[in-house]
Amino acid sequence: MSLDVLIFGGAGLISLLAFVTLILVPAIGSFGRAWEKVAAAALSLIVLIALAAIGVAAGVTIVYYWDDISTIFA
């Protein structure tokens, strides 16, 4: 494996660990009933997926229009 794969894989793992620790565990711990915990976990994962999709869309847009964007700062 290349160094890039290790760096991005490590960053993804750290991000996932931060999400679980800072978002998912408190969301699940805030409720008492099992169905409430499942709903909180599901909604948290939906928000994670939505934010990841927004990030990917922004990244793809920047890469696609980079020639135009780079002329702004030149």
PDB file of N, CA and C in Angstrom:
ATOM      1  N   MET A   1       0.837  -1.186   0.000  1.00  0.00           N
ATOM      2  CA  MET A   1       0.000   0.000   0.000  1.00  0.00           C
ATOM      3  C   MET A   1       0.880   1.246   0.000  1.00  0.00           C
ATOM      4  N   SER A   2       0.388   2.248  -0.671  1.00  0.00           N
ATOM      5  CA  SER A   2       1.151   3.488  -0.745  1.00  0.00           C
ATOM      6  C   SER A   2       0.910   4.332   0.507  1.00  0.00           C
ATOM      7  N   LEU A   3       1.739   5.318   0.665  1.00  0.00           N
ATOM      8  CA  LEU A   3       1.628   6.207   1.814  1.00  0.00           C
ATOM      9  C   LEU A   3       0.323   6.993   1.777  1.00  0.00           C
ATOM     10  N   ASP A   4      -0.121   7.375   0.584  1.00  0.00           N
ATOM     11  CA  ASP A   4      -1.378   8.114   0.461  1.00  0.00           C
ATOM     12  C   ASP A   4      -2.558   7.305   0.984  1.00  0.00           C
ATOM     13  N   VAL A   5      -2.596   6.031   0.643  1.00  0.00           N
ATOM     14  CA  VAL A   5      -3.688   5.170   1.100  1.00  0.00           C
ATOM     15  C   VAL A   5      -3.676   5.065   2.617  1.00  0.00           C
ATOM     16  N   LEU A   6      -2.500   4.928   3.196  1.00  0.00           N
ATOM     17  CA  LEU A   6      -2.400   4.841   4.652  1.00  0.00           C
ATOM     18  C   LEU A   6      -2.825   6.140   5.332  1.00  0.00           C
ATOM     19  N   ILE A   7      -2.435   7.265   4.768  1.00  0.00           N
ATOM     20  CA  ILE A   7      -2.795   8.554   5.359  1.00  0.00           C
ATOM     21  C   ILE A   7      -4.299   8.785   5.281  1.00  0.00           C
ATOM     22  N   PHE A   8      -4.881   8.583   4.101  1.00  0.00           N
ATOM     23  CA  PHE A   8      -6.317   8.813   3.956  1.00  0.00           C
ATOM     24  C   PHE A   8      -7.133   7.777   4.715  1.00  0.00           C
ATOM     25  N   GLY A   9      -6.663   6.546   4.755  1.00  0.00           N
ATOM     26  CA  GLY A   9      -7.342   5.519   5.541  1.00  0.00           C
ATOM     27  C   GLY A   9      -7.306   5.836   7.024  1.00  0.00           C
ATOM     28  N   GLY A  10      -6.158   6.304   7.507  1.00  0.00           N
ATOM     29  CA  GLY A  10      -6.051   6.698   8.912  1.00  0.00           C
ATOM     30  C   GLY A  10      -6.932   7.889   9.238  1.00  0.00           C
ATOM     31  N   ALA A  11      -6.983   8.856   8.338  1.00  0.00           N
ATOM     32  CA  ALA A  11      -7.848  10.018   8.555  1.00  0.00           C
ATOM     33  C   ALA A  11      -9.315   9.609   8.575  1.00  0.00           C
ATOM     34  N   GLY A  12      -9.699   8.696   7.688  1.00  0.00           N
ATOM     35  CA  GLY A  12     -11.075   8.201   7.687  1.00  0.00           C
ATOM     36  C   GLY A  12     -11.407   7.448   8.957  1.00  0.00           C
ATOM     37  N   LEU A  13     -10.475   6.643   9.443  1.00  0.00           N
ATOM     38  CA  LEU A  13     -10.689   5.892  10.675  1.00  0.00           C
ATOM     39  C   LEU A  13     -10.805   6.825  11.874  1.00  0.00           C
ATOM     40  N   ILE A  14      -9.958   7.842  11.937  1.00  0.00           N
ATOM     41  CA  ILE A  14     -10.034   8.820  13.025  1.00  0.00           C
ATOM     42  C   ILE A  14     -11.352   9.584  12.964  1.00  0.00           C
ATOM     43  N   SER A  15     -11.796   9.950  11.765  1.00  0.00           N
ATOM     44  CA  SER A  15     -13.066  10.660  11.614  1.00  0.00           C
ATOM     45  C   SER A  15     -14.241   9.794  12.046  1.00  0.00           C
ATOM     46  N   LEU A  16     -14.222   8.527  11.666  1.00  0.00           N
ATOM     47  CA  LEU A  16     -15.292   7.616  12.067  1.00  0.00           C
ATOM     48  C   LEU A  16     -15.297   7.410  13.575  1.00  0.00           C
ATOM     49  N   LEU A  17     -14.130   7.278  14.170  1.00  0.00           N
ATOM     50  CA  LEU A  17     -14.031   7.128  15.618  1.00  0.00           C
ATOM     51  C   LEU A  17     -14.542   8.377  16.333  1.00  0.00           C
ATOM     52  N   ALA A  18     -14.218   9.555  15.804  1.00  0.00           N
ATOM     53  CA  ALA A  18     -14.710  10.805  16.387  1.00  0.00           C
ATOM     54  C   ALA A  18     -16.225  10.891  16.275  1.00  0.00           C
ATOM     55  N   PHE A  19     -16.788  10.483  15.144  1.00  0.00           N
ATOM     56  CA  PHE A  19     -18.241  10.500  14.985  1.00  0.00           C
ATOM     57  C   PHE A  19     -18.909   9.591  16.003  1.00  0.00           C
ATOM     58  N   VAL A  20     -18.386   8.382  16.138  1.00  0.00           N
ATOM     59  CA  VAL A  20     -18.984   7.433  17.080  1.00  0.00           C
ATOM     60  C   VAL A  20     -18.875   7.956  18.503  1.00  0.00           C
ATOM     61  N   THR A  21     -17.705   8.479  18.866  1.00  0.00           N
ATOM     62  CA  THR A  21     -17.472   8.934  20.235  1.00  0.00           C
ATOM     63  C   THR A  21     -18.239  10.210  20.566  1.00  0.00           C
ATOM     64  N   LEU A  22     -18.244  11.166  19.661  1.00  0.00           N
ATOM     65  CA  LEU A  22     -18.802  12.480  19.965  1.00  0.00           C
ATOM     66  C   LEU A  22     -20.265  12.652  19.572  1.00  0.00           C
ATOM     67  N   ILE A  23     -20.764  11.867  18.639  1.00  0.00           N
ATOM     68  CA  ILE A  23     -22.132  12.041  18.153  1.00  0.00           C
ATOM     69  C   ILE A  23     -23.005  10.836  18.478  1.00  0.00           C
ATOM     70  N   LEU A  24     -22.584   9.665  18.061  1.00  0.00           N
ATOM     71  CA  LEU A  24     -23.441   8.484  18.146  1.00  0.00           C
ATOM     72  C   LEU A  24     -23.660   8.016  19.580  1.00  0.00           C
ATOM     73  N   VAL A  25     -22.609   7.907  20.364  1.00  0.00           N
ATOM     74  CA  VAL A  25     -22.750   7.423  21.743  1.00  0.00           C
ATOM     75  C   VAL A  25     -23.626   8.355  22.581  1.00  0.00           C
ATOM     76  N   PRO A  26     -23.425   9.682  22.558  1.00  0.00           N
ATOM     77  CA  PRO A  26     -24.333  10.542  23.322  1.00  0.00           C
ATOM     78  C   PRO A  26     -25.779  10.505  22.812  1.00  0.00           C
ATOM     79  N   ALA A  27     -25.955  10.377  21.502  1.00  0.00           N
ATOM     80  CA  ALA A  27     -27.322  10.319  20.960  1.00  0.00           C
ATOM     81  C   ALA A  27     -28.037   9.068  21.440  1.00  0.00           C
ATOM     82  N   ILE A  28     -27.345   7.946  21.438  1.00  0.00           N
ATOM     83  CA  ILE A  28     -27.960   6.697  21.899  1.00  0.00           C
ATOM     84  C   ILE A  28     -28.175   6.735  23.407  1.00  0.00           C
ATOM     85  N   GLY A  29     -27.227   7.309  24.140  1.00  0.00           N
ATOM     86  CA  GLY A  29     -27.334   7.362  25.595  1.00  0.00           C
ATOM     87  C   GLY A  29     -28.399   8.312  26.103  1.00  0.00           C
ATOM     88  N   SER A  30     -28.910   9.172  25.256  1.00  0.00           N
ATOM     89  CA  SER A  30     -29.909  10.148  25.685  1.00  0.00           C
ATOM     90  C   SER A  30     -31.304   9.561  25.816  1.00  0.00           C
ATOM     91  N   PHE A  31     -31.510   8.364  25.327  1.00  0.00           N
ATOM     92  CA  PHE A  31     -32.843   7.781  25.314  1.00  0.00           C
ATOM     93  C   PHE A  31     -32.861   6.484  26.101  1.00  0.00           C
ATOM     94  N   GLY A  32     -34.044   6.136  26.610  1.00  0.00           N
ATOM     95  CA  GLY A  32     -34.169   4.955  27.451  1.00  0.00           C
ATOM     96  C   GLY A  32     -34.724   3.740  26.737  1.00  0.00           C
ATOM     97  N   ARG A  33     -35.699   3.949  25.890  1.00  0.00           N
ATOM     98  CA  ARG A  33     -36.330   2.812  25.214  1.00  0.00           C
ATOM     99  C   ARG A  33     -35.488   2.367  24.023  1.00  0.00           C
ATOM    100  N   ALA A  34     -35.610   1.087  23.717  1.00  0.00           N
ATOM    101  CA  ALA A  34     -34.795   0.516  22.636  1.00  0.00           C
ATOM    102  C   ALA A  34     -35.125   1.149  21.293  1.00  0.00           C
ATOM    103  N   TRP A  35     -36.413   1.368  21.003  1.00  0.00           N
ATOM    104  CA  TRP A  35     -36.771   1.920  19.702  1.00  0.00           C
ATOM    105  C   TRP A  35     -36.288   3.361  19.575  1.00  0.00           C
ATOM    106  N   GLU A  36     -36.218   4.098  20.704  1.00  0.00           N
ATOM    107  CA  GLU A  36     -35.701   5.461  20.658  1.00  0.00           C
ATOM    108  C   GLU A  36     -34.201   5.464  20.364  1.00  0.00           C
ATOM    109  N   LYS A  37     -33.491   4.502  20.938  1.00  0.00           N
ATOM    110  CA  LYS A  37     -32.055   4.390  20.682  1.00  0.00           C
ATOM    111  C   LYS A  37     -31.787   4.036  19.221  1.00  0.00           C
ATOM    112  N   VAL A  38     -32.593   3.128  18.681  1.00  0.00           N
ATOM    113  CA  VAL A  38     -32.437   2.745  17.274  1.00  0.00           C
ATOM    114  C   VAL A  38     -32.739   3.935  16.364  1.00  0.00           C
ATOM    115  N   ALA A  39     -33.792   4.680  16.685  1.00  0.00           N
ATOM    116  CA  ALA A  39     -34.144   5.847  15.878  1.00  0.00           C
ATOM    117  C   ALA A  39     -33.052   6.911  15.946  1.00  0.00           C
ATOM    118  N   ALA A  40     -32.494   7.143  17.136  1.00  0.00           N
ATOM    119  CA  ALA A  40     -31.422   8.132  17.279  1.00  0.00           C
ATOM    120  C   ALA A  40     -30.189   7.709  16.488  1.00  0.00           C
ATOM    121  N   ALA A  41     -29.855   6.427  16.535  1.00  0.00           N
ATOM    122  CA  ALA A  41     -28.704   5.933  15.774  1.00  0.00           C
ATOM    123  C   ALA A  41     -28.951   6.065  14.276  1.00  0.00           C
ATOM    124  N   ALA A  42     -30.155   5.721  13.830  1.00  0.00           N
ATOM    125  CA  ALA A  42     -30.473   5.804  12.404  1.00  0.00           C
ATOM    126  C   ALA A  42     -30.417   7.248  11.912  1.00  0.00           C
ATOM    127  N   LEU A  43     -30.987   8.165  12.675  1.00  0.00           N
ATOM    128  CA  LEU A  43     -30.963   9.568  12.260  1.00  0.00           C
ATOM    129  C   LEU A  43     -29.541  10.129  12.273  1.00  0.00           C
ATOM    130  N   SER A  44     -28.736   9.719  13.243  1.00  0.00           N
ATOM    131  CA  SER A  44     -27.340  10.161  13.277  1.00  0.00           C
ATOM    132  C   SER A  44     -26.580   9.658  12.057  1.00  0.00           C
ATOM    133  N   LEU A  45     -26.821   8.425  11.663  1.00  0.00           N
ATOM    134  CA  LEU A  45     -26.152   7.880  10.480  1.00  0.00           C
ATOM    135  C   LEU A  45     -26.628   8.560   9.201  1.00  0.00           C
ATOM    136  N   ILE A  46     -27.912   8.908   9.149  1.00  0.00           N
ATOM    137  CA  ILE A  46     -28.429   9.634   7.985  1.00  0.00           C
ATOM    138  C   ILE A  46     -27.747  10.993   7.865  1.00  0.00           C
ATOM    139  N   VAL A  47     -27.576  11.681   8.995  1.00  0.00           N
ATOM    140  CA  VAL A  47     -26.891  12.974   8.983  1.00  0.00           C
ATOM    141  C   VAL A  47     -25.436  12.802   8.556  1.00  0.00           C
ATOM    142  N   LEU A  48     -24.765  11.754   9.038  1.00  0.00           N
ATOM    143  CA  LEU A  48     -23.380  11.482   8.636  1.00  0.00           C
ATOM    144  C   LEU A  48     -23.283  11.259   7.132  1.00  0.00           C
ATOM    145  N   ILE A  49     -24.187  10.470   6.595  1.00  0.00           N
ATOM    146  CA  ILE A  49     -24.179  10.194   5.155  1.00  0.00           C
ATOM    147  C   ILE A  49     -24.444  11.470   4.355  1.00  0.00           C
ATOM    148  N   ALA A  50     -25.382  12.294   4.829  1.00  0.00           N
ATOM    149  CA  ALA A  50     -25.687  13.543   4.130  1.00  0.00           C
ATOM    150  C   ALA A  50     -24.484  14.483   4.134  1.00  0.00           C
ATOM    151  N   LEU A  51     -23.815  14.609   5.266  1.00  0.00           N
ATOM    152  CA  LEU A  51     -22.650  15.487   5.337  1.00  0.00           C
ATOM    153  C   LEU A  51     -21.500  14.961   4.485  1.00  0.00           C
ATOM    154  N   ALA A  52     -21.317  13.655   4.462  1.00  0.00           N
ATOM    155  CA  ALA A  52     -20.278  13.070   3.610  1.00  0.00           C
ATOM    156  C   ALA A  52     -20.597  13.308   2.140  1.00  0.00           C
ATOM    157  N   ALA A  53     -21.865  13.196   1.764  1.00  0.00           N
ATOM    158  CA  ALA A  53     -22.266  13.438   0.376  1.00  0.00           C
ATOM    159  C   ALA A  53     -22.036  14.894  -0.017  1.00  0.00           C
ATOM    160  N   ILE A  54     -22.320  15.814   0.895  1.00  0.00           N
ATOM    161  CA  ILE A  54     -22.067  17.227   0.616  1.00  0.00           C
ATOM    162  C   ILE A  54     -20.572  17.471   0.433  1.00  0.00           C
ATOM    163  N   GLY A  55     -19.760  16.847   1.266  1.00  0.00           N
ATOM    164  CA  GLY A  55     -18.312  16.987   1.143  1.00  0.00           C
ATOM    165  C   GLY A  55     -17.782  16.429  -0.160  1.00  0.00           C
ATOM    166  N   VAL A  56     -18.289  15.274  -0.557  1.00  0.00           N
ATOM    167  CA  VAL A  56     -17.866  14.672  -1.825  1.00  0.00           C
ATOM    168  C   VAL A  56     -18.303  15.549  -2.995  1.00  0.00           C
ATOM    169  N   ALA A  57     -19.524  16.061  -2.943  1.00  0.00           N
ATOM    170  CA  ALA A  57     -20.014  16.925  -4.022  1.00  0.00           C
ATOM    171  C   ALA A  57     -19.177  18.199  -4.122  1.00  0.00           C
ATOM    172  N   ALA A  58     -18.829  18.782  -2.982  1.00  0.00           N
ATOM    173  CA  ALA A  58     -17.992  19.983  -2.997  1.00  0.00           C
ATOM    174  C   ALA A  58     -16.608  19.669  -3.559  1.00  0.00           C
ATOM    175  N   GLY A  59     -16.041  18.545  -3.168  1.00  0.00           N
ATOM    176  CA  GLY A  59     -14.729  18.152  -3.675  1.00  0.00           C
ATOM    177  C   GLY A  59     -14.733  17.906  -5.165  1.00  0.00           C
ATOM    178  N   VAL A  60     -15.744  17.211  -5.656  1.00  0.00           N
ATOM    179  CA  VAL A  60     -15.847  16.943  -7.092  1.00  0.00           C
ATOM    180  C   VAL A  60     -16.026  18.245  -7.868  1.00  0.00           C
ATOM    181  N   THR A  61     -16.815  19.159  -7.324  1.00  0.00           N
ATOM    182  CA  THR A  61     -17.026  20.447  -7.984  1.00  0.00           C
ATOM    183  C   THR A  61     -15.726  21.239  -8.062  1.00  0.00           C
ATOM    184  N   ILE A  62     -14.976  21.247  -6.979  1.00  0.00           N
ATOM    185  CA  ILE A  62     -13.704  21.971  -6.972  1.00  0.00           C
ATOM    186  C   ILE A  62     -12.725  21.362  -7.969  1.00  0.00           C
ATOM    187  N   VAL A  63     -12.635  20.042  -8.000  1.00  0.00           N
ATOM    188  CA  VAL A  63     -11.722  19.389  -8.947  1.00  0.00           C
ATOM    189  C   VAL A  63     -12.153  19.664 -10.383  1.00  0.00           C
ATOM    190  N   TYR A  64     -13.450  19.608 -10.658  1.00  0.00           N
ATOM    191  CA  TYR A  64     -13.952  19.804 -12.017  1.00  0.00           C
ATOM    192  C   TYR A  64     -13.690  21.229 -12.511  1.00  0.00           C
ATOM    193  N   TYR A  65     -13.885  22.212 -11.634  1.00  0.00           N
ATOM    194  CA  TYR A  65     -13.738  23.609 -12.035  1.00  0.00           C
ATOM    195  C   TYR A  65     -12.403  24.210 -11.602  1.00  0.00           C
ATOM    196  N   TRP A  66     -11.398  23.377 -11.297  1.00  0.00           N
ATOM    197  CA  TRP A  66     -10.143  23.894 -10.761  1.00  0.00           C
ATOM    198  C   TRP A  66      -9.447  24.868 -11.708  1.00  0.00           C
ATOM    199  N   ASP A  67      -9.505  24.643 -13.003  1.00  0.00           N
ATOM    200  CA  ASP A  67      -8.856  25.560 -13.944  1.00  0.00           C
ATOM    201  C   ASP A  67      -9.454  26.959 -13.841  1.00  0.00           C
ATOM    202  N   ASP A  68     -10.764  27.045 -13.694  1.00  0.00           N
ATOM    203  CA  ASP A  68     -11.412  28.348 -13.548  1.00  0.00           C
ATOM    204  C   ASP A  68     -11.141  28.951 -12.172  1.00  0.00           C
ATOM    205  N   ILE A  69     -11.143  28.118 -11.149  1.00  0.00           N
ATOM    206  CA  ILE A  69     -10.931  28.606  -9.786  1.00  0.00           C
ATOM    207  C   ILE A  69      -9.506  29.114  -9.609  1.00  0.00           C
ATOM    208  N   SER A  70      -8.541  28.407 -10.177  1.00  0.00           N
ATOM    209  CA  SER A  70      -7.136  28.791  -9.983  1.00  0.00           C
ATOM    210  C   SER A  70      -6.805  30.128 -10.634  1.00  0.00           C
ATOM    211  N   THR A  71      -7.547  30.530 -11.652  1.00  0.00           N
ATOM    212  CA  THR A  71      -7.282  31.828 -12.280  1.00  0.00           C
ATOM    213  C   THR A  71      -7.749  32.981 -11.401  1.00  0.00           C
ATOM    214  N   ILE A  72      -8.662  32.732 -10.492  1.00  0.00           N
ATOM    215  CA  ILE A  72      -9.135  33.786  -9.593  1.00  0.00           C
ATOM    216  C   ILE A  72      -8.009  34.233  -8.670  1.00  0.00           C
ATOM    217  N   PHE A  73      -7.191  33.292  -8.216  1.00  0.00           N
ATOM    218  CA  PHE A  73      -6.145  33.592  -7.247  1.00  0.00           C
ATOM    219  C   PHE A  73      -4.799  33.903  -7.887  1.00  0.00           C
ATOM    220  N   ALA A  74      -4.737  33.872  -9.195  1.00  0.00           N
ATOM    221  CA  ALA A  74      -3.449  34.115  -9.868  1.00  0.00           C
ATOM    222  C   ALA A  74      -3.209  35.587 -10.092  1.00  0.00           C
TER     223      ALA A  74
END
